[in-house]
């Protein structure tokens, strides 16, 4: 079942929900139509399950970067702009896949089940970013007037847009330059090393 789910995830990533037929899923998974319906209920439910699998496969790396930053001893510099840069490096690597969460948000924006899962993914990332930036403010590494929640939301929107640009643009320089620009902006809010 795991192999079939991974195969379905790849097809949805490549083609999206609407352009993927049950015949495409049968061919990719090696399961017959009845087996797919029995295992997943519907094409939509398979898509939701594939979206969850994609998150399970891709988000641990982002969460590990955030966790390392948040668990850093107070005696060590947090360097929030560098942490955001590390997150953006992961995004750049995954952007060629198309960013399943972004694709789901665009293609199935009117589907409550999809929207709920997309918003959960965004909320988790935004919460991690806000915690990192708040810790940087608390430690005196960023301007005390900085608004960690606003900066986190800005970074979240940038990251989601990065999936689109990274997927559609064959030249990585645009995304890399923009990522460096965001890090520079965050660095401008950072204070000198204590």
N, C-alpha and C. Protein backbone atom coordinates (compact mmCIF):
# COMPACT_ATOMS: atom_id res chain seq x y z
N UNK A 1 0.83 -1.19 0.00
CA UNK A 1 0.00 0.00 0.00
C UNK A 1 0.87 1.26 0.00
N UNK A 2 1.99 1.21 0.74
CA UNK A 2 2.88 2.36 0.81
C UNK A 2 3.45 2.71 -0.56
N UNK A 3 3.86 1.69 -1.32
CA UNK A 3 4.40 1.91 -2.66
C UNK A 3 3.35 2.56 -3.55
N UNK A 4 2.13 2.08 -3.46
CA UNK A 4 1.04 2.64 -4.27
C UNK A 4 0.78 4.10 -3.90
N UNK A 5 0.81 4.40 -2.62
CA UNK A 5 0.57 5.78 -2.18
C UNK A 5 1.69 6.70 -2.67
N UNK A 6 2.92 6.24 -2.60
CA UNK A 6 4.05 7.04 -3.10
C UNK A 6 3.92 7.27 -4.61
N UNK A 7 3.51 6.24 -5.33
CA UNK A 7 3.33 6.38 -6.78
C UNK A 7 2.21 7.38 -7.09
N UNK A 8 1.12 7.30 -6.36
CA UNK A 8 0.01 8.23 -6.56
C UNK A 8 0.45 9.66 -6.23
N UNK A 9 1.24 9.80 -5.18
CA UNK A 9 1.74 11.13 -4.80
C UNK A 9 2.56 11.73 -5.94
N UNK A 10 3.42 10.92 -6.55
CA UNK A 10 4.24 11.41 -7.68
C UNK A 10 3.35 11.86 -8.84
N UNK A 11 2.31 11.10 -9.13
CA UNK A 11 1.41 11.46 -10.24
C UNK A 11 0.70 12.77 -9.92
N UNK A 12 0.18 12.91 -8.70
CA UNK A 12 -0.50 14.15 -8.33
C UNK A 12 0.47 15.34 -8.36
N UNK A 13 1.70 15.11 -7.94
CA UNK A 13 2.71 16.18 -7.99
C UNK A 13 2.97 16.61 -9.43
N UNK A 14 3.08 15.66 -10.33
CA UNK A 14 3.38 15.96 -11.72
C UNK A 14 2.21 16.60 -12.46
N UNK A 15 1.01 16.12 -12.19
CA UNK A 15 -0.14 16.52 -13.00
C UNK A 15 -1.19 17.34 -12.28
N UNK A 16 -1.20 17.29 -10.97
CA UNK A 16 -2.26 17.96 -10.22
C UNK A 16 -3.48 17.05 -10.10
N UNK A 17 -4.46 17.51 -9.35
CA UNK A 17 -5.65 16.70 -9.10
C UNK A 17 -6.51 16.55 -10.35
N UNK A 18 -6.85 17.67 -10.95
CA UNK A 18 -7.80 17.65 -12.07
C UNK A 18 -7.27 16.89 -13.28
N UNK A 19 -6.00 17.02 -13.57
CA UNK A 19 -5.43 16.39 -14.75
C UNK A 19 -5.07 14.92 -14.53
N UNK A 20 -5.21 14.43 -13.32
CA UNK A 20 -4.91 13.04 -13.02
C UNK A 20 -6.20 12.23 -13.10
N UNK A 21 -6.18 11.22 -13.94
CA UNK A 21 -7.36 10.35 -14.06
C UNK A 21 -7.16 9.09 -13.21
N UNK A 22 -8.24 8.40 -12.98
CA UNK A 22 -8.12 7.12 -12.28
C UNK A 22 -7.26 6.17 -13.09
N UNK A 23 -7.33 6.25 -14.41
CA UNK A 23 -6.49 5.40 -15.26
C UNK A 23 -5.01 5.71 -15.03
N UNK A 24 -4.68 6.98 -14.85
CA UNK A 24 -3.30 7.36 -14.54
C UNK A 24 -2.86 6.73 -13.22
N UNK A 25 -3.75 6.79 -12.25
CA UNK A 25 -3.43 6.24 -10.92
C UNK A 25 -3.31 4.72 -10.95
N UNK A 26 -4.17 4.07 -11.73
CA UNK A 26 -4.08 2.61 -11.90
C UNK A 26 -2.73 2.25 -12.51
N UNK A 27 -2.34 2.96 -13.56
CA UNK A 27 -1.07 2.69 -14.23
C UNK A 27 0.12 2.94 -13.31
N UNK A 28 0.08 4.01 -12.55
CA UNK A 28 1.21 4.36 -11.68
C UNK A 28 1.34 3.44 -10.48
N UNK A 29 0.22 3.06 -9.91
CA UNK A 29 0.25 2.27 -8.66
C UNK A 29 0.34 0.78 -8.88
N UNK A 30 -0.10 0.33 -10.06
CA UNK A 30 -0.13 -1.10 -10.30
C UNK A 30 -1.35 -1.77 -9.67
N UNK A 31 -2.20 -0.99 -9.07
CA UNK A 31 -3.44 -1.52 -8.49
C UNK A 31 -4.56 -1.36 -9.51
N UNK A 32 -5.55 -2.23 -9.42
CA UNK A 32 -6.69 -2.03 -10.31
C UNK A 32 -7.63 -0.99 -9.70
N UNK A 33 -8.56 -0.54 -10.51
CA UNK A 33 -9.48 0.53 -10.10
C UNK A 33 -10.24 0.14 -8.83
N UNK A 34 -10.75 -1.08 -8.78
CA UNK A 34 -11.51 -1.55 -7.61
C UNK A 34 -10.63 -1.54 -6.36
N UNK A 35 -9.36 -1.94 -6.54
CA UNK A 35 -8.43 -1.95 -5.40
C UNK A 35 -8.15 -0.55 -4.88
N UNK A 36 -8.01 0.42 -5.81
CA UNK A 36 -7.79 1.80 -5.39
C UNK A 36 -9.00 2.33 -4.62
N UNK A 37 -10.19 2.07 -5.16
CA UNK A 37 -11.41 2.55 -4.48
C UNK A 37 -11.56 1.87 -3.12
N UNK A 38 -11.24 0.58 -3.06
CA UNK A 38 -11.35 -0.15 -1.79
C UNK A 38 -10.37 0.39 -0.75
N UNK A 39 -9.15 0.68 -1.21
CA UNK A 39 -8.11 1.14 -0.28
C UNK A 39 -8.29 2.60 0.13
N UNK A 40 -8.73 3.45 -0.81
CA UNK A 40 -8.73 4.89 -0.54
C UNK A 40 -10.10 5.55 -0.61
N UNK A 41 -11.10 4.86 -1.12
CA UNK A 41 -12.46 5.40 -1.13
C UNK A 41 -12.80 6.18 -2.38
N UNK A 42 -11.93 7.09 -2.78
CA UNK A 42 -12.20 7.93 -3.94
C UNK A 42 -10.88 8.56 -4.39
N UNK A 43 -10.91 9.13 -5.57
CA UNK A 43 -9.74 9.85 -6.06
C UNK A 43 -9.42 11.02 -5.11
N UNK A 44 -10.46 11.70 -4.66
CA UNK A 44 -10.26 12.83 -3.75
C UNK A 44 -9.62 12.38 -2.44
N UNK A 45 -10.11 11.28 -1.88
CA UNK A 45 -9.53 10.79 -0.62
C UNK A 45 -8.09 10.33 -0.83
N UNK A 46 -7.80 9.75 -1.98
CA UNK A 46 -6.43 9.36 -2.30
C UNK A 46 -5.55 10.61 -2.39
N UNK A 47 -6.07 11.67 -2.97
CA UNK A 47 -5.33 12.93 -3.06
C UNK A 47 -5.04 13.48 -1.67
N UNK A 48 -6.04 13.49 -0.81
CA UNK A 48 -5.86 13.98 0.57
C UNK A 48 -4.81 13.14 1.29
N UNK A 49 -4.88 11.83 1.10
CA UNK A 49 -3.90 10.92 1.72
C UNK A 49 -2.50 11.17 1.14
N UNK A 50 -2.44 11.40 -0.16
CA UNK A 50 -1.14 11.68 -0.80
C UNK A 50 -0.57 13.00 -0.29
N UNK A 51 -1.43 13.99 -0.11
CA UNK A 51 -0.98 15.28 0.44
C UNK A 51 -0.40 15.09 1.84
N UNK A 52 -1.07 14.29 2.65
CA UNK A 52 -0.57 14.01 4.00
C UNK A 52 0.78 13.28 3.93
N UNK A 53 0.91 12.33 3.00
CA UNK A 53 2.17 11.60 2.84
C UNK A 53 3.29 12.54 2.40
N UNK A 54 2.98 13.42 1.47
CA UNK A 54 3.98 14.40 1.01
C UNK A 54 4.48 15.23 2.19
N UNK A 55 3.55 15.68 3.03
CA UNK A 55 3.95 16.46 4.20
C UNK A 55 4.82 15.62 5.13
N UNK A 56 4.47 14.37 5.34
CA UNK A 56 5.26 13.48 6.20
C UNK A 56 6.67 13.29 5.66
N UNK A 57 6.78 13.30 4.34
CA UNK A 57 8.08 13.07 3.72
C UNK A 57 8.95 14.33 3.64
N UNK A 58 8.33 15.50 3.51
CA UNK A 58 9.11 16.71 3.27
C UNK A 58 9.25 17.63 4.48
N UNK A 59 8.29 17.63 5.37
CA UNK A 59 8.32 18.60 6.46
C UNK A 59 9.30 18.27 7.60
N UNK A 60 9.66 17.02 7.82
CA UNK A 60 10.59 16.76 8.93
C UNK A 60 11.91 17.52 8.81
N UNK A 61 12.40 17.71 7.60
CA UNK A 61 13.66 18.44 7.43
C UNK A 61 13.49 19.90 7.86
N UNK A 62 12.37 20.51 7.47
CA UNK A 62 12.10 21.89 7.90
C UNK A 62 11.94 21.97 9.41
N UNK A 63 11.20 21.03 9.97
CA UNK A 63 10.96 21.04 11.41
C UNK A 63 12.26 20.78 12.18
N UNK A 64 13.14 19.97 11.64
CA UNK A 64 14.42 19.70 12.31
C UNK A 64 15.28 20.97 12.37
N UNK A 65 15.27 21.75 11.31
CA UNK A 65 16.02 23.01 11.30
C UNK A 65 15.45 23.94 12.37
N UNK A 66 14.13 24.05 12.40
CA UNK A 66 13.48 24.91 13.40
C UNK A 66 13.77 24.41 14.81
N UNK A 67 13.67 23.10 15.02
CA UNK A 67 13.90 22.52 16.34
C UNK A 67 15.33 22.80 16.82
N UNK A 68 16.30 22.61 15.91
CA UNK A 68 17.70 22.87 16.30
C UNK A 68 17.88 24.32 16.72
N UNK A 69 17.25 25.22 16.00
CA UNK A 69 17.37 26.65 16.34
C UNK A 69 16.72 26.93 17.69
N UNK A 70 15.54 26.39 17.91
CA UNK A 70 14.83 26.67 19.16
C UNK A 70 15.48 26.00 20.36
N UNK A 71 16.19 24.90 20.12
CA UNK A 71 16.85 24.18 21.21
C UNK A 71 18.28 24.66 21.46
N UNK A 72 18.73 25.63 20.67
CA UNK A 72 20.10 26.13 20.81
C UNK A 72 20.24 26.78 22.19
N UNK A 73 21.30 26.46 22.91
CA UNK A 73 21.51 27.07 24.23
C UNK A 73 21.56 28.59 24.14
N UNK A 74 21.11 29.25 25.18
CA UNK A 74 21.08 30.72 25.18
C UNK A 74 22.49 31.31 25.10
N UNK A 75 23.50 30.52 25.41
CA UNK A 75 24.87 31.01 25.31
C UNK A 75 25.35 31.08 23.85
N UNK A 76 24.63 30.42 22.94
CA UNK A 76 24.99 30.44 21.52
C UNK A 76 24.10 31.43 20.77
N UNK A 77 24.69 32.06 19.79
CA UNK A 77 23.93 32.98 18.94
C UNK A 77 22.92 32.19 18.10
N UNK A 78 21.69 32.66 18.06
CA UNK A 78 20.64 32.00 17.29
C UNK A 78 20.80 32.26 15.79
N UNK A 79 21.07 33.51 15.41
CA UNK A 79 21.24 33.92 14.02
C UNK A 79 20.00 33.53 13.19
N UNK A 80 18.88 34.14 13.53
CA UNK A 80 17.60 33.86 12.87
C UNK A 80 17.67 34.02 11.35
N UNK A 81 18.34 35.06 10.80
CA UNK A 81 18.42 35.13 9.34
C UNK A 81 19.09 33.89 8.73
N UNK A 82 20.10 33.35 9.40
CA UNK A 82 20.77 32.14 8.90
C UNK A 82 19.81 30.94 8.96
N UNK A 83 19.02 30.86 10.03
CA UNK A 83 18.05 29.76 10.16
C UNK A 83 17.04 29.84 9.01
N UNK A 84 16.55 31.04 8.72
CA UNK A 84 15.61 31.21 7.61
C UNK A 84 16.30 30.83 6.29
N UNK A 85 17.55 31.19 6.13
CA UNK A 85 18.30 30.81 4.93
C UNK A 85 18.38 29.29 4.80
N UNK A 86 18.60 28.60 5.92
CA UNK A 86 18.64 27.13 5.91
C UNK A 86 17.29 26.56 5.48
N UNK A 87 16.20 27.15 5.98
CA UNK A 87 14.86 26.71 5.59
C UNK A 87 14.65 26.93 4.09
N UNK A 88 15.12 28.07 3.60
CA UNK A 88 14.95 28.39 2.18
C UNK A 88 15.76 27.45 1.28
N UNK A 89 16.88 26.97 1.77
CA UNK A 89 17.66 25.99 1.00
C UNK A 89 16.86 24.70 0.80
N UNK A 90 16.16 24.28 1.84
CA UNK A 90 15.31 23.09 1.74
C UNK A 90 14.19 23.35 0.74
N UNK A 91 13.57 24.51 0.84
CA UNK A 91 12.48 24.87 -0.08
C UNK A 91 12.99 24.85 -1.52
N UNK A 92 14.16 25.40 -1.74
CA UNK A 92 14.71 25.44 -3.10
C UNK A 92 14.90 24.03 -3.65
N UNK A 93 15.36 23.11 -2.81
CA UNK A 93 15.53 21.72 -3.26
C UNK A 93 14.20 21.09 -3.62
N UNK A 94 13.17 21.34 -2.82
CA UNK A 94 11.85 20.72 -3.06
C UNK A 94 11.02 21.48 -4.08
N UNK A 95 11.41 22.69 -4.45
CA UNK A 95 10.57 23.49 -5.34
C UNK A 95 10.46 22.88 -6.73
N UNK A 96 11.46 22.13 -7.16
CA UNK A 96 11.39 21.50 -8.48
C UNK A 96 10.27 20.46 -8.53
N UNK A 97 9.88 19.94 -7.37
CA UNK A 97 8.76 19.00 -7.30
C UNK A 97 7.43 19.72 -7.47
N UNK A 98 7.43 21.00 -7.29
CA UNK A 98 6.22 21.76 -7.49
C UNK A 98 5.52 22.19 -6.22
N UNK A 99 5.99 21.72 -5.08
CA UNK A 99 5.35 22.13 -3.84
C UNK A 99 3.90 21.68 -3.78
N UNK A 100 3.68 20.46 -3.36
CA UNK A 100 2.35 19.86 -3.33
C UNK A 100 1.37 20.73 -2.54
N UNK A 101 1.81 21.29 -1.44
CA UNK A 101 0.91 22.09 -0.60
C UNK A 101 0.44 23.33 -1.36
N UNK A 102 1.35 24.00 -2.05
CA UNK A 102 0.98 25.19 -2.83
C UNK A 102 0.04 24.80 -3.97
N UNK A 103 0.40 23.72 -4.64
CA UNK A 103 -0.45 23.26 -5.76
C UNK A 103 -1.86 22.93 -5.26
N UNK A 104 -1.95 22.26 -4.12
CA UNK A 104 -3.25 21.92 -3.55
C UNK A 104 -4.03 23.18 -3.20
N UNK A 105 -3.33 24.17 -2.64
CA UNK A 105 -3.99 25.42 -2.26
C UNK A 105 -4.58 26.13 -3.47
N UNK A 106 -3.90 26.07 -4.58
CA UNK A 106 -4.36 26.75 -5.79
C UNK A 106 -5.45 25.94 -6.49
N UNK A 107 -5.17 24.66 -6.66
CA UNK A 107 -6.08 23.84 -7.47
C UNK A 107 -7.38 23.48 -6.75
N UNK A 108 -7.32 23.26 -5.46
CA UNK A 108 -8.52 22.85 -4.72
C UNK A 108 -8.87 23.84 -3.62
N UNK A 109 -8.76 25.12 -3.95
CA UNK A 109 -9.02 26.18 -2.97
C UNK A 109 -10.46 26.19 -2.47
N UNK A 110 -11.36 25.56 -3.21
CA UNK A 110 -12.77 25.54 -2.79
C UNK A 110 -13.15 24.23 -2.09
N UNK A 111 -12.16 23.37 -1.83
CA UNK A 111 -12.42 22.10 -1.16
C UNK A 111 -12.03 22.21 0.31
N UNK A 112 -13.01 22.15 1.22
CA UNK A 112 -12.70 22.35 2.65
C UNK A 112 -11.67 21.38 3.21
N UNK A 113 -11.70 20.12 2.79
CA UNK A 113 -10.74 19.14 3.32
C UNK A 113 -9.32 19.49 2.91
N UNK A 114 -9.15 19.91 1.68
CA UNK A 114 -7.82 20.29 1.20
C UNK A 114 -7.36 21.59 1.86
N UNK A 115 -8.25 22.56 1.89
CA UNK A 115 -7.90 23.86 2.49
C UNK A 115 -7.49 23.68 3.95
N UNK A 116 -8.19 22.83 4.68
CA UNK A 116 -7.85 22.60 6.09
C UNK A 116 -6.42 22.06 6.22
N UNK A 117 -6.08 21.10 5.37
CA UNK A 117 -4.73 20.51 5.44
C UNK A 117 -3.65 21.50 5.01
N UNK A 118 -3.96 22.29 4.00
CA UNK A 118 -3.02 23.32 3.56
C UNK A 118 -2.80 24.33 4.68
N UNK A 119 -3.87 24.79 5.28
CA UNK A 119 -3.75 25.77 6.36
C UNK A 119 -3.03 25.20 7.57
N UNK A 120 -3.20 23.91 7.84
CA UNK A 120 -2.45 23.27 8.93
C UNK A 120 -0.95 23.32 8.65
N UNK A 121 -0.58 23.00 7.40
CA UNK A 121 0.85 23.03 7.03
C UNK A 121 1.41 24.43 7.18
N UNK A 122 0.67 25.42 6.67
CA UNK A 122 1.13 26.80 6.77
C UNK A 122 1.22 27.26 8.21
N UNK A 123 0.23 26.90 9.02
CA UNK A 123 0.21 27.33 10.42
C UNK A 123 1.41 26.76 11.18
N UNK A 124 1.76 25.51 10.92
CA UNK A 124 2.91 24.90 11.60
C UNK A 124 4.20 25.62 11.24
N UNK A 125 4.39 25.88 9.97
CA UNK A 125 5.61 26.56 9.54
C UNK A 125 5.64 27.99 10.09
N UNK A 126 4.52 28.69 10.01
CA UNK A 126 4.47 30.06 10.51
C UNK A 126 4.73 30.10 12.03
N UNK A 127 4.19 29.13 12.75
CA UNK A 127 4.40 29.06 14.20
C UNK A 127 5.89 28.86 14.51
N UNK A 128 6.53 27.95 13.78
CA UNK A 128 7.96 27.71 13.98
C UNK A 128 8.78 28.96 13.67
N UNK A 129 8.48 29.60 12.55
CA UNK A 129 9.20 30.82 12.18
C UNK A 129 9.01 31.91 13.23
N UNK A 130 7.76 32.09 13.69
CA UNK A 130 7.49 33.13 14.70
C UNK A 130 8.25 32.83 16.00
N UNK A 131 8.30 31.55 16.38
CA UNK A 131 9.01 31.19 17.61
C UNK A 131 10.51 31.49 17.48
N UNK A 132 11.08 31.19 16.32
CA UNK A 132 12.51 31.46 16.09
C UNK A 132 12.77 32.97 16.15
N UNK A 133 11.94 33.73 15.46
CA UNK A 133 12.13 35.18 15.42
C UNK A 133 11.86 35.82 16.79
N UNK A 134 10.88 35.31 17.52
CA UNK A 134 10.61 35.83 18.86
C UNK A 134 11.78 35.55 19.79
N UNK A 135 12.37 34.38 19.66
CA UNK A 135 13.54 34.04 20.47
C UNK A 135 14.71 34.96 20.12
N UNK A 136 14.86 35.27 18.85
CA UNK A 136 15.94 36.19 18.45
C UNK A 136 15.72 37.58 19.05
N UNK A 137 14.47 38.03 19.08
CA UNK A 137 14.16 39.32 19.71
C UNK A 137 14.45 39.24 21.21
N UNK A 138 13.99 38.17 21.84
CA UNK A 138 14.19 37.98 23.28
C UNK A 138 15.67 37.96 23.66
N UNK A 139 16.49 37.36 22.81
CA UNK A 139 17.93 37.26 23.08
C UNK A 139 18.68 38.52 22.68
N UNK A 140 17.98 39.50 22.15
CA UNK A 140 18.62 40.75 21.76
C UNK A 140 19.33 40.69 20.43
N UNK A 141 19.04 39.66 19.63
CA UNK A 141 19.68 39.51 18.33
C UNK A 141 18.90 40.23 17.23
N UNK A 142 17.70 40.65 17.53
CA UNK A 142 16.89 41.40 16.57
C UNK A 142 16.33 42.61 17.27
N UNK A 143 16.01 43.61 16.50
CA UNK A 143 15.44 44.84 17.01
C UNK A 143 14.23 44.53 17.89
N UNK A 144 14.19 45.07 19.11
CA UNK A 144 13.06 44.80 20.00
C UNK A 144 11.72 45.26 19.43
N UNK A 145 11.75 46.18 18.47
CA UNK A 145 10.51 46.64 17.84
C UNK A 145 10.05 45.70 16.73
N UNK A 146 10.86 44.70 16.38
CA UNK A 146 10.49 43.75 15.33
C UNK A 146 9.26 42.97 15.76
N UNK A 147 8.37 42.72 14.84
CA UNK A 147 7.15 41.95 15.10
C UNK A 147 7.37 40.53 14.56
N UNK A 148 7.71 39.57 15.44
CA UNK A 148 8.02 38.21 14.99
C UNK A 148 6.89 37.56 14.19
N UNK A 149 5.64 37.82 14.60
CA UNK A 149 4.52 37.20 13.89
C UNK A 149 4.41 37.74 12.47
N UNK A 150 4.56 39.05 12.31
CA UNK A 150 4.48 39.65 10.98
C UNK A 150 5.65 39.17 10.11
N UNK A 151 6.84 39.15 10.69
CA UNK A 151 8.00 38.67 9.93
C UNK A 151 7.83 37.20 9.55
N UNK A 152 7.28 36.41 10.46
CA UNK A 152 7.05 34.99 10.17
C UNK A 152 6.04 34.83 9.03
N UNK A 153 4.99 35.61 9.06
CA UNK A 153 3.99 35.55 7.99
C UNK A 153 4.61 35.98 6.66
N UNK A 154 5.44 37.00 6.69
CA UNK A 154 6.12 37.45 5.47
C UNK A 154 7.00 36.32 4.92
N UNK A 155 7.76 35.69 5.80
CA UNK A 155 8.63 34.59 5.37
C UNK A 155 7.80 33.42 4.85
N UNK A 156 6.68 33.11 5.50
CA UNK A 156 5.81 32.03 5.05
C UNK A 156 5.30 32.28 3.64
N UNK A 157 4.80 33.48 3.39
CA UNK A 157 4.29 33.81 2.06
C UNK A 157 5.42 33.76 1.04
N UNK A 158 6.58 34.24 1.41
CA UNK A 158 7.73 34.17 0.52
C UNK A 158 8.06 32.71 0.20
N UNK A 159 8.08 31.87 1.22
CA UNK A 159 8.42 30.46 1.03
C UNK A 159 7.42 29.79 0.09
N UNK A 160 6.13 30.05 0.29
CA UNK A 160 5.13 29.43 -0.58
C UNK A 160 5.30 29.92 -2.02
N UNK A 161 5.57 31.21 -2.19
CA UNK A 161 5.83 31.73 -3.53
C UNK A 161 7.09 31.14 -4.13
N UNK A 162 8.05 30.82 -3.29
CA UNK A 162 9.30 30.22 -3.75
C UNK A 162 9.07 28.87 -4.42
N UNK A 163 8.08 28.13 -3.93
CA UNK A 163 7.76 26.86 -4.57
C UNK A 163 7.30 27.08 -6.01
N UNK A 164 6.51 28.11 -6.21
CA UNK A 164 6.01 28.41 -7.56
C UNK A 164 7.16 28.84 -8.47
N UNK A 165 7.94 29.80 -8.00
CA UNK A 165 9.05 30.31 -8.81
C UNK A 165 10.07 29.19 -9.07
N UNK A 166 10.40 28.44 -8.05
CA UNK A 166 11.38 27.37 -8.21
C UNK A 166 10.92 26.29 -9.18
N UNK A 167 9.63 26.04 -9.20
CA UNK A 167 9.08 25.02 -10.09
C UNK A 167 9.01 25.52 -11.53
N UNK A 168 8.64 26.77 -11.70
CA UNK A 168 8.40 27.30 -13.04
C UNK A 168 9.64 27.88 -13.71
N UNK A 169 10.64 28.25 -12.94
CA UNK A 169 11.81 28.92 -13.48
C UNK A 169 12.97 27.94 -13.59
N UNK A 170 13.48 27.77 -14.80
CA UNK A 170 14.61 26.86 -15.01
C UNK A 170 15.92 27.42 -14.48
N UNK A 171 15.97 28.73 -14.29
CA UNK A 171 17.18 29.38 -13.82
C UNK A 171 17.06 29.57 -12.30
N UNK A 172 17.86 28.83 -11.55
CA UNK A 172 17.80 28.90 -10.08
C UNK A 172 18.28 30.22 -9.52
N UNK A 173 18.92 31.04 -10.34
CA UNK A 173 19.48 32.29 -9.82
C UNK A 173 18.40 33.22 -9.29
N UNK A 174 17.24 33.27 -9.93
CA UNK A 174 16.17 34.16 -9.47
C UNK A 174 15.75 33.79 -8.05
N UNK A 175 15.48 32.51 -7.83
CA UNK A 175 15.05 32.07 -6.51
C UNK A 175 16.17 32.25 -5.48
N UNK A 176 17.37 31.88 -5.85
CA UNK A 176 18.49 32.02 -4.92
C UNK A 176 18.74 33.48 -4.55
N UNK A 177 18.64 34.37 -5.54
CA UNK A 177 18.85 35.80 -5.28
C UNK A 177 17.73 36.35 -4.38
N UNK A 178 16.50 35.95 -4.66
CA UNK A 178 15.37 36.42 -3.84
C UNK A 178 15.51 35.90 -2.41
N UNK A 179 15.93 34.64 -2.25
CA UNK A 179 16.12 34.08 -0.92
C UNK A 179 17.20 34.86 -0.17
N UNK A 180 18.28 35.17 -0.87
CA UNK A 180 19.34 35.98 -0.24
C UNK A 180 18.81 37.35 0.14
N UNK A 181 17.93 37.91 -0.69
CA UNK A 181 17.33 39.21 -0.38
C UNK A 181 16.48 39.17 0.87
N UNK A 182 15.69 38.09 1.03
CA UNK A 182 14.88 37.96 2.25
C UNK A 182 15.77 37.84 3.47
N UNK A 183 16.82 37.06 3.35
CA UNK A 183 17.77 36.91 4.47
C UNK A 183 18.40 38.26 4.79
N UNK A 184 18.75 39.03 3.76
CA UNK A 184 19.30 40.37 3.98
C UNK A 184 18.30 41.26 4.70
N UNK A 185 17.04 41.20 4.29
CA UNK A 185 15.99 42.00 4.95
C UNK A 185 15.89 41.62 6.43
N UNK A 186 15.87 40.32 6.70
CA UNK A 186 15.81 39.89 8.09
C UNK A 186 17.07 40.30 8.84
N UNK A 187 18.19 40.22 8.17
CA UNK A 187 19.45 40.65 8.77
C UNK A 187 19.45 42.12 9.11
N UNK A 188 18.72 42.92 8.34
CA UNK A 188 18.60 44.34 8.61
C UNK A 188 17.82 44.63 9.88
N UNK A 189 16.98 43.68 10.27
CA UNK A 189 16.22 43.79 11.51
C UNK A 189 17.05 43.26 12.68
N UNK A 190 18.03 42.46 12.35
CA UNK A 190 18.89 41.87 13.38
C UNK A 190 19.82 42.96 13.95
N UNK A 191 20.16 42.80 15.18
CA UNK A 191 21.10 43.73 15.81
C UNK A 191 22.48 43.12 15.77
N UNK A 192 23.48 43.91 16.05
CA UNK A 192 24.86 43.42 16.07
C UNK A 192 25.00 42.34 17.13
N UNK A 193 25.93 41.47 16.93
CA UNK A 193 26.17 40.40 17.88
C UNK A 193 26.46 40.94 19.26
N UNK A 194 25.75 40.39 20.30
CA UNK A 194 25.96 40.91 21.67
C UNK A 194 27.33 40.59 22.21
